[in-house]
Amino acid sequence: MTPPVDEPVVPEEPEEPVPPVGHVRVVYLGPVAPHWEVQSDFGDPTFIEEFRQRTLARLVLLPPHDPQYRRNRERVVRDAERENVTLEWDLGVPEEEPPPAAAPVEAAG
């Protein structure tokens, strides 16, 4: 047997961005089930409906404060990235922003 030969590594050229195939907005309706609604601004209706069904299957009984919600939200985000769908979340509250950086405290003395 011959040892494996290293093939020359060819750097990949960055691909041009592909326009999204659709847009989906996931809206939190409140503490009473059903908690979620999936809305769309554009895209193939059949494709969007399939994406909506997968999204609702992951979120149907989960309010945003449920620990399982975070894991399932990440699955929805990965699904949207894989399918090239722009995804927007409307939880009815502003998105969490990182706290502003505090100025360094100088030690006295």
PDB file of N, CA and C in Angstrom:
ATOM      1  N   MET A   1       0.837  -1.184   0.000  1.00  0.00           N
ATOM      2  CA  MET A   1       0.000   0.000   0.000  1.00  0.00           C
ATOM      3  C   MET A   1       0.877   1.240   0.000  1.00  0.00           C
ATOM      4  N   THR A   2       0.444   2.214  -0.713  1.00  0.00           N
ATOM      5  CA  THR A   2       1.186   3.476  -0.731  1.00  0.00           C
ATOM      6  C   THR A   2       0.571   4.429   0.275  1.00  0.00           C
ATOM      7  N   PRO A   3       1.410   5.247   0.883  1.00  0.00           N
ATOM      8  CA  PRO A   3       0.861   6.215   1.845  1.00  0.00           C
ATOM      9  C   PRO A   3      -0.008   7.237   1.133  1.00  0.00           C
ATOM     10  N   PRO A   4      -0.997   7.775   1.844  1.00  0.00           N
ATOM     11  CA  PRO A   4      -1.868   8.772   1.197  1.00  0.00           C
ATOM     12  C   PRO A   4      -1.065  10.007   0.791  1.00  0.00           C
ATOM     13  N   VAL A   5      -1.387  10.528  -0.354  1.00  0.00           N
ATOM     14  CA  VAL A   5      -0.698  11.703  -0.873  1.00  0.00           C
ATOM     15  C   VAL A   5      -1.506  12.938  -0.498  1.00  0.00           C
ATOM     16  N   ASP A   6      -0.813  13.919   0.070  1.00  0.00           N
ATOM     17  CA  ASP A   6      -1.488  15.168   0.412  1.00  0.00           C
ATOM     18  C   ASP A   6      -1.781  15.943  -0.863  1.00  0.00           C
ATOM     19  N   GLU A   7      -3.049  16.271  -1.043  1.00  0.00           N
ATOM     20  CA  GLU A   7      -3.421  17.071  -2.200  1.00  0.00           C
ATOM     21  C   GLU A   7      -3.184  18.537  -1.868  1.00  0.00           C
ATOM     22  N   PRO A   8      -2.781  19.312  -2.863  1.00  0.00           N
ATOM     23  CA  PRO A   8      -2.568  20.733  -2.583  1.00  0.00           C
ATOM     24  C   PRO A   8      -3.881  21.383  -2.152  1.00  0.00           C
ATOM     25  N   VAL A   9      -3.777  22.228  -1.152  1.00  0.00           N
ATOM     26  CA  VAL A   9      -4.950  22.911  -0.625  1.00  0.00           C
ATOM     27  C   VAL A   9      -5.190  24.163  -1.456  1.00  0.00           C
ATOM     28  N   VAL A  10      -6.344  24.228  -2.051  1.00  0.00           N
ATOM     29  CA  VAL A  10      -6.717  25.382  -2.851  1.00  0.00           C
ATOM     30  C   VAL A  10      -7.661  26.237  -2.012  1.00  0.00           C
ATOM     31  N   PRO A  11      -7.271  27.488  -1.741  1.00  0.00           N
ATOM     32  CA  PRO A  11      -8.172  28.331  -0.938  1.00  0.00           C
ATOM     33  C   PRO A  11      -9.477  28.558  -1.684  1.00  0.00           C
ATOM     34  N   GLU A  12     -10.572  28.426  -0.938  1.00  0.00           N
ATOM     35  CA  GLU A  12     -11.878  28.626  -1.554  1.00  0.00           C
ATOM     36  C   GLU A  12     -12.140  30.114  -1.736  1.00  0.00           C
ATOM     37  N   GLU A  13     -12.670  30.445  -2.884  1.00  0.00           N
ATOM     38  CA  GLU A  13     -13.033  31.834  -3.124  1.00  0.00           C
ATOM     39  C   GLU A  13     -14.353  32.104  -2.428  1.00  0.00           C
ATOM     40  N   PRO A  14     -14.479  33.276  -1.815  1.00  0.00           N
ATOM     41  CA  PRO A  14     -15.757  33.568  -1.153  1.00  0.00           C
ATOM     42  C   PRO A  14     -16.886  33.610  -2.180  1.00  0.00           C
ATOM     43  N   GLU A  15     -17.966  32.937  -1.835  1.00  0.00           N
ATOM     44  CA  GLU A  15     -19.107  32.904  -2.738  1.00  0.00           C
ATOM     45  C   GLU A  15     -19.894  34.199  -2.613  1.00  0.00           C
ATOM     46  N   GLU A  16     -20.531  34.569  -3.708  1.00  0.00           N
ATOM     47  CA  GLU A  16     -21.388  35.745  -3.652  1.00  0.00           C
ATOM     48  C   GLU A  16     -22.607  35.422  -2.814  1.00  0.00           C
ATOM     49  N   PRO A  17     -23.072  36.396  -2.023  1.00  0.00           N
ATOM     50  CA  PRO A  17     -24.255  36.119  -1.211  1.00  0.00           C
ATOM     51  C   PRO A  17     -25.457  35.777  -2.091  1.00  0.00           C
ATOM     52  N   VAL A  18     -26.172  34.761  -1.680  1.00  0.00           N
ATOM     53  CA  VAL A  18     -27.360  34.332  -2.402  1.00  0.00           C
ATOM     54  C   VAL A  18     -28.560  35.012  -1.743  1.00  0.00           C
ATOM     55  N   PRO A  19     -29.441  35.598  -2.523  1.00  0.00           N
ATOM     56  CA  PRO A  19     -30.606  36.240  -1.909  1.00  0.00           C
ATOM     57  C   PRO A  19     -31.469  35.206  -1.184  1.00  0.00           C
ATOM     58  N   PRO A  20     -32.070  35.596  -0.069  1.00  0.00           N
ATOM     59  CA  PRO A  20     -32.898  34.649   0.675  1.00  0.00           C
ATOM     60  C   PRO A  20     -34.104  34.192  -0.138  1.00  0.00           C
ATOM     61  N   VAL A  21     -34.539  32.966   0.134  1.00  0.00           N
ATOM     62  CA  VAL A  21     -35.688  32.418  -0.591  1.00  0.00           C
ATOM     63  C   VAL A  21     -37.008  32.785   0.062  1.00  0.00           C
ATOM     64  N   GLY A  22     -36.944  33.348   1.256  1.00  0.00           N
ATOM     65  CA  GLY A  22     -38.169  33.751   1.940  1.00  0.00           C
ATOM     66  C   GLY A  22     -37.852  34.482   3.230  1.00  0.00           C
ATOM     67  N   HIS A  23     -38.896  35.021   3.836  1.00  0.00           N
ATOM     68  CA  HIS A  23     -38.774  35.724   5.110  1.00  0.00           C
ATOM     69  C   HIS A  23     -39.831  35.193   6.053  1.00  0.00           C
ATOM     70  N   VAL A  24     -39.418  34.945   7.308  1.00  0.00           N
ATOM     71  CA  VAL A  24     -40.339  34.435   8.310  1.00  0.00           C
ATOM     72  C   VAL A  24     -40.180  35.255   9.587  1.00  0.00           C
ATOM     73  N   ARG A  25     -41.308  35.620  10.172  1.00  0.00           N
ATOM     74  CA  ARG A  25     -41.328  36.317  11.458  1.00  0.00           C
ATOM     75  C   ARG A  25     -42.047  35.397  12.448  1.00  0.00           C
ATOM     76  N   VAL A  26     -41.370  35.079  13.551  1.00  0.00           N
ATOM     77  CA  VAL A  26     -41.955  34.241  14.594  1.00  0.00           C
ATOM     78  C   VAL A  26     -42.420  35.181  15.699  1.00  0.00           C
ATOM     79  N   VAL A  27     -43.720  35.191  15.966  1.00  0.00           N
ATOM     80  CA  VAL A  27     -44.324  36.141  16.903  1.00  0.00           C
ATOM     81  C   VAL A  27     -44.833  35.399  18.135  1.00  0.00           C
ATOM     82  N   TYR A  28     -44.438  35.896  19.308  1.00  0.00           N
ATOM     83  CA  TYR A  28     -44.946  35.348  20.570  1.00  0.00           C
ATOM     84  C   TYR A  28     -46.296  35.982  20.843  1.00  0.00           C
ATOM     85  N   LEU A  29     -47.328  35.150  21.016  1.00  0.00           N
ATOM     86  CA  LEU A  29     -48.691  35.642  21.193  1.00  0.00           C
ATOM     87  C   LEU A  29     -49.069  35.864  22.646  1.00  0.00           C
ATOM     88  N   GLY A  30     -48.355  35.259  23.567  1.00  0.00           N
ATOM     89  CA  GLY A  30     -48.662  35.444  24.977  1.00  0.00           C
ATOM     90  C   GLY A  30     -48.637  34.148  25.744  1.00  0.00           C
ATOM     91  N   PRO A  31     -48.963  34.230  27.044  1.00  0.00           N
ATOM     92  CA  PRO A  31     -48.831  33.069  27.913  1.00  0.00           C
ATOM     93  C   PRO A  31     -49.872  31.966  27.701  1.00  0.00           C
ATOM     94  N   VAL A  32     -50.911  32.225  26.940  1.00  0.00           N
ATOM     95  CA  VAL A  32     -51.939  31.212  26.705  1.00  0.00           C
ATOM     96  C   VAL A  32     -51.661  30.533  25.360  1.00  0.00           C
ATOM     97  N   ALA A  33     -51.657  29.200  25.369  1.00  0.00           N
ATOM     98  CA  ALA A  33     -51.392  28.460  24.133  1.00  0.00           C
ATOM     99  C   ALA A  33     -52.506  28.703  23.126  1.00  0.00           C
ATOM    100  N   PRO A  34     -52.251  28.775  21.832  1.00  0.00           N
ATOM    101  CA  PRO A  34     -50.938  28.626  21.220  1.00  0.00           C
ATOM    102  C   PRO A  34     -50.081  29.866  21.466  1.00  0.00           C
ATOM    103  N   HIS A  35     -48.815  29.630  21.786  1.00  0.00           N
ATOM    104  CA  HIS A  35     -47.921  30.730  22.136  1.00  0.00           C
ATOM    105  C   HIS A  35     -47.339  31.441  20.928  1.00  0.00           C
ATOM    106  N   TRP A  36     -47.311  30.783  19.774  1.00  0.00           N
ATOM    107  CA  TRP A  36     -46.550  31.291  18.632  1.00  0.00           C
ATOM    108  C   TRP A  36     -47.386  31.390  17.366  1.00  0.00           C
ATOM    109  N   GLU A  37     -46.989  32.344  16.527  1.00  0.00           N
ATOM    110  CA  GLU A  37     -47.549  32.480  15.186  1.00  0.00           C
ATOM    111  C   GLU A  37     -46.377  32.715  14.250  1.00  0.00           C
ATOM    112  N   VAL A  38     -46.413  32.117  13.078  1.00  0.00           N
ATOM    113  CA  VAL A  38     -45.355  32.289  12.090  1.00  0.00           C
ATOM    114  C   VAL A  38     -45.944  33.048  10.914  1.00  0.00           C
ATOM    115  N   GLN A  39     -45.367  34.212  10.634  1.00  0.00           N
ATOM    116  CA  GLN A  39     -45.831  35.067   9.542  1.00  0.00           C
ATOM    117  C   GLN A  39     -44.745  35.138   8.485  1.00  0.00           C
ATOM    118  N   SER A  40     -45.148  35.448   7.259  1.00  0.00           N
ATOM    119  CA  SER A  40     -44.181  35.543   6.171  1.00  0.00           C
ATOM    120  C   SER A  40     -44.477  36.757   5.312  1.00  0.00           C
ATOM    121  N   ASP A  41     -43.412  37.432   4.876  1.00  0.00           N
ATOM    122  CA  ASP A  41     -43.558  38.580   3.985  1.00  0.00           C
ATOM    123  C   ASP A  41     -43.380  38.191   2.527  1.00  0.00           C
ATOM    124  N   PHE A  42     -42.492  37.236   2.253  1.00  0.00           N
ATOM    125  CA  PHE A  42     -42.298  36.788   0.868  1.00  0.00           C
ATOM    126  C   PHE A  42     -41.720  35.386   0.871  1.00  0.00           C
ATOM    127  N   GLY A  43     -41.827  34.740  -0.270  1.00  0.00           N
ATOM    128  CA  GLY A  43     -41.313  33.386  -0.442  1.00  0.00           C
ATOM    129  C   GLY A  43     -42.391  32.479  -1.003  1.00  0.00           C
ATOM    130  N   ASP A  44     -41.966  31.330  -1.496  1.00  0.00           N
ATOM    131  CA  ASP A  44     -42.882  30.341  -2.045  1.00  0.00           C
ATOM    132  C   ASP A  44     -43.823  29.869  -0.931  1.00  0.00           C
ATOM    133  N   PRO A  45     -45.138  30.012  -1.119  1.00  0.00           N
ATOM    134  CA  PRO A  45     -46.086  29.649  -0.053  1.00  0.00           C
ATOM    135  C   PRO A  45     -45.947  28.213   0.442  1.00  0.00           C
ATOM    136  N   THR A  46     -45.689  27.266  -0.454  1.00  0.00           N
ATOM    137  CA  THR A  46     -45.537  25.874  -0.051  1.00  0.00           C
ATOM    138  C   THR A  46     -44.293  25.710   0.814  1.00  0.00           C
ATOM    139  N   PHE A  47     -43.185  26.310   0.402  1.00  0.00           N
ATOM    140  CA  PHE A  47     -41.944  26.235   1.159  1.00  0.00           C
ATOM    141  C   PHE A  47     -42.102  26.881   2.535  1.00  0.00           C
ATOM    142  N   ILE A  48     -42.728  28.058   2.576  1.00  0.00           N
ATOM    143  CA  ILE A  48     -42.934  28.770   3.839  1.00  0.00           C
ATOM    144  C   ILE A  48     -43.836  27.963   4.768  1.00  0.00           C
ATOM    145  N   GLU A  49     -44.859  27.322   4.223  1.00  0.00           N
ATOM    146  CA  GLU A  49     -45.767  26.506   5.040  1.00  0.00           C
ATOM    147  C   GLU A  49     -45.021  25.326   5.666  1.00  0.00           C
ATOM    148  N   GLU A  50     -44.130  24.689   4.905  1.00  0.00           N
ATOM    149  CA  GLU A  50     -43.341  23.585   5.447  1.00  0.00           C
ATOM    150  C   GLU A  50     -42.422  24.082   6.564  1.00  0.00           C
ATOM    151  N   PHE A  51     -41.797  25.245   6.350  1.00  0.00           N
ATOM    152  CA  PHE A  51     -40.931  25.825   7.379  1.00  0.00           C
ATOM    153  C   PHE A  51     -41.762  26.186   8.616  1.00  0.00           C
ATOM    154  N   ARG A  52     -42.957  26.747   8.397  1.00  0.00           N
ATOM    155  CA  ARG A  52     -43.840  27.118   9.504  1.00  0.00           C
ATOM    156  C   ARG A  52     -44.209  25.893  10.340  1.00  0.00           C
ATOM    157  N   GLN A  53     -44.522  24.789   9.677  1.00  0.00           N
ATOM    158  CA  GLN A  53     -44.888  23.564  10.396  1.00  0.00           C
ATOM    159  C   GLN A  53     -43.728  23.061  11.248  1.00  0.00           C
ATOM    160  N   ARG A  54     -42.507  23.074  10.699  1.00  0.00           N
ATOM    161  CA  ARG A  54     -41.340  22.633  11.467  1.00  0.00           C
ATOM    162  C   ARG A  54     -41.095  23.558  12.658  1.00  0.00           C
ATOM    163  N   THR A  55     -41.256  24.866  12.445  1.00  0.00           N
ATOM    164  CA  THR A  55     -41.029  25.836  13.517  1.00  0.00           C
ATOM    165  C   THR A  55     -42.053  25.653  14.630  1.00  0.00           C
ATOM    166  N   LEU A  56     -43.324  25.554  14.271  1.00  0.00           N
ATOM    167  CA  LEU A  56     -44.355  25.395  15.286  1.00  0.00           C
ATOM    168  C   LEU A  56     -44.221  24.062  16.020  1.00  0.00           C
ATOM    169  N   ALA A  57     -43.768  23.026  15.345  1.00  0.00           N
ATOM    170  CA  ALA A  57     -43.559  21.739  16.005  1.00  0.00           C
ATOM    171  C   ALA A  57     -42.505  21.862  17.103  1.00  0.00           C
ATOM    172  N   ARG A  58     -41.534  22.743  16.904  1.00  0.00           N
ATOM    173  CA  ARG A  58     -40.480  22.930  17.907  1.00  0.00           C
ATOM    174  C   ARG A  58     -40.904  23.855  19.042  1.00  0.00           C
ATOM    175  N   LEU A  59     -41.843  24.760  18.774  1.00  0.00           N
ATOM    176  CA  LEU A  59     -42.167  25.803  19.753  1.00  0.00           C
ATOM    177  C   LEU A  59     -43.574  25.717  20.333  1.00  0.00           C
ATOM    178  N   VAL A  60     -44.432  24.846  19.824  1.00  0.00           N
ATOM    179  CA  VAL A  60     -45.872  24.903  20.074  1.00  0.00           C
ATOM    180  C   VAL A  60     -46.259  25.064  21.544  1.00  0.00           C
ATOM    181  N   LEU A  61     -45.660  24.352  22.455  1.00  0.00           N
ATOM    182  CA  LEU A  61     -46.065  24.432  23.856  1.00  0.00           C
ATOM    183  C   LEU A  61     -45.025  25.126  24.733  1.00  0.00           C
ATOM    184  N   LEU A  62     -44.093  25.837  24.125  1.00  0.00           N
ATOM    185  CA  LEU A  62     -43.001  26.430  24.891  1.00  0.00           C
ATOM    186  C   LEU A  62     -43.108  27.949  24.966  1.00  0.00           C
ATOM    187  N   PRO A  63     -43.348  28.502  26.146  1.00  0.00           N
ATOM    188  CA  PRO A  63     -43.236  29.955  26.287  1.00  0.00           C
ATOM    189  C   PRO A  63     -41.750  30.332  26.348  1.00  0.00           C
ATOM    190  N   PRO A  64     -41.406  31.595  26.100  1.00  0.00           N
ATOM    191  CA  PRO A  64     -39.992  31.991  26.043  1.00  0.00           C
ATOM    192  C   PRO A  64     -39.199  31.755  27.326  1.00  0.00           C
ATOM    193  N   HIS A  65     -39.854  31.652  28.462  1.00  0.00           N
ATOM    194  CA  HIS A  65     -39.100  31.451  29.705  1.00  0.00           C
ATOM    195  C   HIS A  65     -38.817  29.977  30.000  1.00  0.00           C
ATOM    196  N   ASP A  66     -39.335  29.070  29.187  1.00  0.00           N
ATOM    197  CA  ASP A  66     -39.104  27.638  29.365  1.00  0.00           C
ATOM    198  C   ASP A  66     -37.663  27.295  28.963  1.00  0.00           C
ATOM    199  N   PRO A  67     -36.957  26.482  29.761  1.00  0.00           N
ATOM    200  CA  PRO A  67     -35.560  26.136  29.417  1.00  0.00           C
ATOM    201  C   PRO A  67     -35.426  25.453  28.053  1.00  0.00           C
ATOM    202  N   GLN A  68     -36.405  24.665  27.646  1.00  0.00           N
ATOM    203  CA  GLN A  68     -36.334  23.992  26.346  1.00  0.00           C
ATOM    204  C   GLN A  68     -36.455  24.977  25.191  1.00  0.00           C
ATOM    205  N   TYR A  69     -37.047  26.138  25.438  1.00  0.00           N
ATOM    206  CA  TYR A  69     -37.248  27.138  24.386  1.00  0.00           C
ATOM    207  C   TYR A  69     -35.928  27.554  23.752  1.00  0.00           C
ATOM    208  N   ARG A  70     -34.915  27.813  24.574  1.00  0.00           N
ATOM    209  CA  ARG A  70     -33.627  28.279  24.041  1.00  0.00           C
ATOM    210  C   ARG A  70     -33.030  27.259  23.079  1.00  0.00           C
ATOM    211  N   ARG A  71     -33.063  25.983  23.450  1.00  0.00           N
ATOM    212  CA  ARG A  71     -32.516  24.948  22.567  1.00  0.00           C
ATOM    213  C   ARG A  71     -33.311  24.863  21.268  1.00  0.00           C
ATOM    214  N   ASN A  72     -34.626  24.896  21.384  1.00  0.00           N
ATOM    215  CA  ASN A  72     -35.446  24.788  20.185  1.00  0.00           C
ATOM    216  C   ASN A  72     -35.346  26.034  19.311  1.00  0.00           C
ATOM    217  N   ARG A  73     -35.176  27.202  19.926  1.00  0.00           N
ATOM    218  CA  ARG A  73     -34.988  28.418  19.140  1.00  0.00           C
ATOM    219  C   ARG A  73     -33.714  28.299  18.296  1.00  0.00           C
ATOM    220  N   GLU A  74     -32.645  27.764  18.882  1.00  0.00           N
ATOM    221  CA  GLU A  74     -31.407  27.577  18.124  1.00  0.00           C
ATOM    222  C   GLU A  74     -31.617  26.604  16.964  1.00  0.00           C
ATOM    223  N   ARG A  75     -32.439  25.597  17.164  1.00  0.00           N
ATOM    224  CA  ARG A  75     -32.738  24.665  16.066  1.00  0.00           C
ATOM    225  C   ARG A  75     -33.493  25.373  14.946  1.00  0.00           C
ATOM    226  N   VAL A  76     -34.419  26.249  15.301  1.00  0.00           N
ATOM    227  CA  VAL A  76     -35.161  27.014  14.292  1.00  0.00           C
ATOM    228  C   VAL A  76     -34.195  27.926  13.535  1.00  0.00           C
ATOM    229  N   VAL A  77     -33.264  28.563  14.258  1.00  0.00           N
ATOM    230  CA  VAL A  77     -32.284  29.458  13.624  1.00  0.00           C
ATOM    231  C   VAL A  77     -31.416  28.665  12.651  1.00  0.00           C
ATOM    232  N   ARG A  78     -30.929  27.496  13.065  1.00  0.00           N
ATOM    233  CA  ARG A  78     -30.104  26.680  12.162  1.00  0.00           C
ATOM    234  C   ARG A  78     -30.898  26.227  10.940  1.00  0.00           C
ATOM    235  N   ASP A  79     -32.169  25.876  11.133  1.00  0.00           N
ATOM    236  CA  ASP A  79     -33.027  25.473  10.024  1.00  0.00           C
ATOM    237  C   ASP A  79     -33.172  26.627   9.035  1.00  0.00           C
ATOM    238  N   ALA A  80     -33.376  27.839   9.546  1.00  0.00           N
ATOM    239  CA  ALA A  80     -33.516  29.008   8.682  1.00  0.00           C
ATOM    240  C   ALA A  80     -32.221  29.271   7.910  1.00  0.00           C
ATOM    241  N   GLU A  81     -31.076  29.134   8.577  1.00  0.00           N
ATOM    242  CA  GLU A  81     -29.791  29.329   7.896  1.00  0.00           C
ATOM    243  C   GLU A  81     -29.598  28.286   6.805  1.00  0.00           C
ATOM    244  N   ARG A  82     -29.922  27.054   7.110  1.00  0.00           N
ATOM    245  CA  ARG A  82     -29.759  25.965   6.143  1.00  0.00           C
ATOM    246  C   ARG A  82     -30.667  26.162   4.928  1.00  0.00           C
ATOM    247  N   GLU A  83     -31.886  26.640   5.161  1.00  0.00           N
ATOM    248  CA  GLU A  83     -32.857  26.826   4.077  1.00  0.00           C
ATOM    249  C   GLU A  83     -32.743  28.196   3.407  1.00  0.00           C
ATOM    250  N   ASN A  84     -31.834  29.040   3.902  1.00  0.00           N
ATOM    251  CA  ASN A  84     -31.630  30.397   3.364  1.00  0.00           C
ATOM    252  C   ASN A  84     -32.895  31.251   3.490  1.00  0.00           C
ATOM    253  N   VAL A  85     -33.445  31.251   4.700  1.00  0.00           N
ATOM    254  CA  VAL A  85     -34.627  32.047   5.013  1.00  0.00           C
ATOM    255  C   VAL A  85     -34.219  33.122   6.005  1.00  0.00           C
ATOM    256  N   THR A  86     -34.619  34.379   5.766  1.00  0.00           N
ATOM    257  CA  THR A  86     -34.364  35.402   6.771  1.00  0.00           C
ATOM    258  C   THR A  86     -35.367  35.195   7.893  1.00  0.00           C
ATOM    259  N   LEU A  87     -34.881  35.260   9.123  1.00  0.00           N
ATOM    260  CA  LEU A  87     -35.686  34.940  10.288  1.00  0.00           C
ATOM    261  C   LEU A  87     -35.707  36.129  11.228  1.00  0.00           C
ATOM    262  N   GLU A  88     -36.893  36.446  11.705  1.00  0.00           N
ATOM    263  CA  GLU A  88     -37.079  37.562  12.631  1.00  0.00           C
ATOM    264  C   GLU A  88     -37.901  37.050  13.801  1.00  0.00           C
ATOM    265  N   TRP A  89     -37.546  37.484  15.015  1.00  0.00           N
ATOM    266  CA  TRP A  89     -38.272  37.079  16.221  1.00  0.00           C
ATOM    267  C   TRP A  89     -38.951  38.300  16.804  1.00  0.00           C
ATOM    268  N   ASP A  90     -40.216  38.173  17.146  1.00  0.00           N
ATOM    269  CA  ASP A  90     -40.966  39.235  17.817  1.00  0.00           C
ATOM    270  C   ASP A  90     -41.511  38.649  19.108  1.00  0.00           C
ATOM    271  N   LEU A  91     -40.789  38.911  20.207  1.00  0.00           N
ATOM    272  CA  LEU A  91     -41.192  38.375  21.495  1.00  0.00           C
ATOM    273  C   LEU A  91     -42.042  39.357  22.284  1.00  0.00           C
ATOM    274  N   GLY A  92     -42.313  40.509  21.688  1.00  0.00           N
ATOM    275  CA  GLY A  92     -43.122  41.508  22.377  1.00  0.00           C
ATOM    276  C   GLY A  92     -42.332  42.354  23.347  1.00  0.00           C
ATOM    277  N   VAL A  93     -41.051  42.085  23.478  1.00  0.00           N
ATOM    278  CA  VAL A  93     -40.159  42.873  24.324  1.00  0.00           C
ATOM    279  C   VAL A  93     -38.902  43.169  23.522  1.00  0.00           C
ATOM    280  N   PRO A  94     -38.196  44.252  23.858  1.00  0.00           N
ATOM    281  CA  PRO A  94     -36.958  44.540  23.117  1.00  0.00           C
ATOM    282  C   PRO A  94     -35.946  43.415  23.295  1.00  0.00           C
ATOM    283  N   GLU A  95     -35.143  43.188  22.257  1.00  0.00           N
ATOM    284  CA  GLU A  95     -34.103  42.174  22.333  1.00  0.00           C
ATOM    285  C   GLU A  95     -33.127  42.537  23.440  1.00  0.00           C
ATOM    286  N   GLU A  96     -32.560  41.510  24.074  1.00  0.00           N
ATOM    287  CA  GLU A  96     -31.587  41.751  25.126  1.00  0.00           C
ATOM    288  C   GLU A  96     -30.340  42.368  24.518  1.00  0.00           C
ATOM    289  N   GLU A  97     -29.882  43.443  25.138  1.00  0.00           N
ATOM    290  CA  GLU A  97     -28.664  44.096  24.679  1.00  0.00           C
ATOM    291  C   GLU A  97     -27.607  43.923  25.753  1.00  0.00           C
ATOM    292  N   PRO A  98     -26.355  43.765  25.345  1.00  0.00           N
ATOM    293  CA  PRO A  98     -25.316  43.630  26.356  1.00  0.00           C
ATOM    294  C   PRO A  98     -25.197  44.927  27.153  1.00  0.00           C
ATOM    295  N   PRO A  99     -24.898  44.852  28.443  1.00  0.00           N
ATOM    296  CA  PRO A  99     -24.781  46.073  29.231  1.00  0.00           C
ATOM    297  C   PRO A  99     -23.612  46.901  28.730  1.00  0.00           C
ATOM    298  N   PRO A 100     -23.707  48.232  28.832  1.00  0.00           N
ATOM    299  CA  PRO A 100     -22.608  49.072  28.365  1.00  0.00           C
ATOM    300  C   PRO A 100     -21.354  48.784  29.173  1.00  0.00           C
ATOM    301  N   ALA A 101     -20.211  48.877  28.513  1.00  0.00           N
ATOM    302  CA  ALA A 101     -18.937  48.622  29.184  1.00  0.00           C
ATOM    303  C   ALA A 101     -18.708  49.680  30.257  1.00  0.00           C
ATOM    304  N   ALA A 102     -18.391  49.238  31.442  1.00  0.00           N
ATOM    305  CA  ALA A 102     -18.151  50.163  32.546  1.00  0.00           C
ATOM    306  C   ALA A 102     -16.750  50.741  32.418  1.00  0.00           C
ATOM    307  N   ALA A 103     -16.625  51.994  32.841  1.00  0.00           N
ATOM    308  CA  ALA A 103     -15.311  52.628  32.822  1.00  0.00           C
ATOM    309  C   ALA A 103     -14.425  51.954  33.859  1.00  0.00           C
ATOM    310  N   PRO A 104     -13.133  51.784  33.558  1.00  0.00           N
ATOM    311  CA  PRO A 104     -12.253  51.131  34.539  1.00  0.00           C
ATOM    312  C   PRO A 104     -12.164  51.955  35.806  1.00  0.00           C
ATOM    313  N   VAL A 105     -12.178  51.258  36.923  1.00  0.00           N
ATOM    314  CA  VAL A 105     -12.104  51.922  38.217  1.00  0.00           C
ATOM    315  C   VAL A 105     -10.633  52.012  38.614  1.00  0.00           C
ATOM    316  N   GLU A 106     -10.202  53.246  38.926  1.00  0.00           N
ATOM    317  CA  GLU A 106      -8.815  53.434  39.328  1.00  0.00           C
ATOM    318  C   GLU A 106      -8.690  53.205  40.824  1.00  0.00           C
ATOM    319  N   ALA A 107      -7.650  52.490  41.210  1.00  0.00           N
ATOM    320  CA  ALA A 107      -7.432  52.226  42.622  1.00  0.00           C
ATOM    321  C   ALA A 107      -6.858  53.468  43.290  1.00  0.00           C
ATOM    322  N   ALA A 108      -7.434  53.830  44.426  1.00  0.00           N
ATOM    323  CA  ALA A 108      -6.937  54.998  45.159  1.00  0.00           C
ATOM    324  C   ALA A 108      -5.748  54.575  46.006  1.00  0.00           C
ATOM    325  N   GLY A 109      -4.719  55.398  45.938  1.00  0.00           N
ATOM    326  CA  GLY A 109      -3.676  55.141  46.884  1.00  0.00           C
ATOM    327  C   GLY A 109      -2.422  54.767  46.360  1.00  0.00           C
TER     328      GLY A 109
END
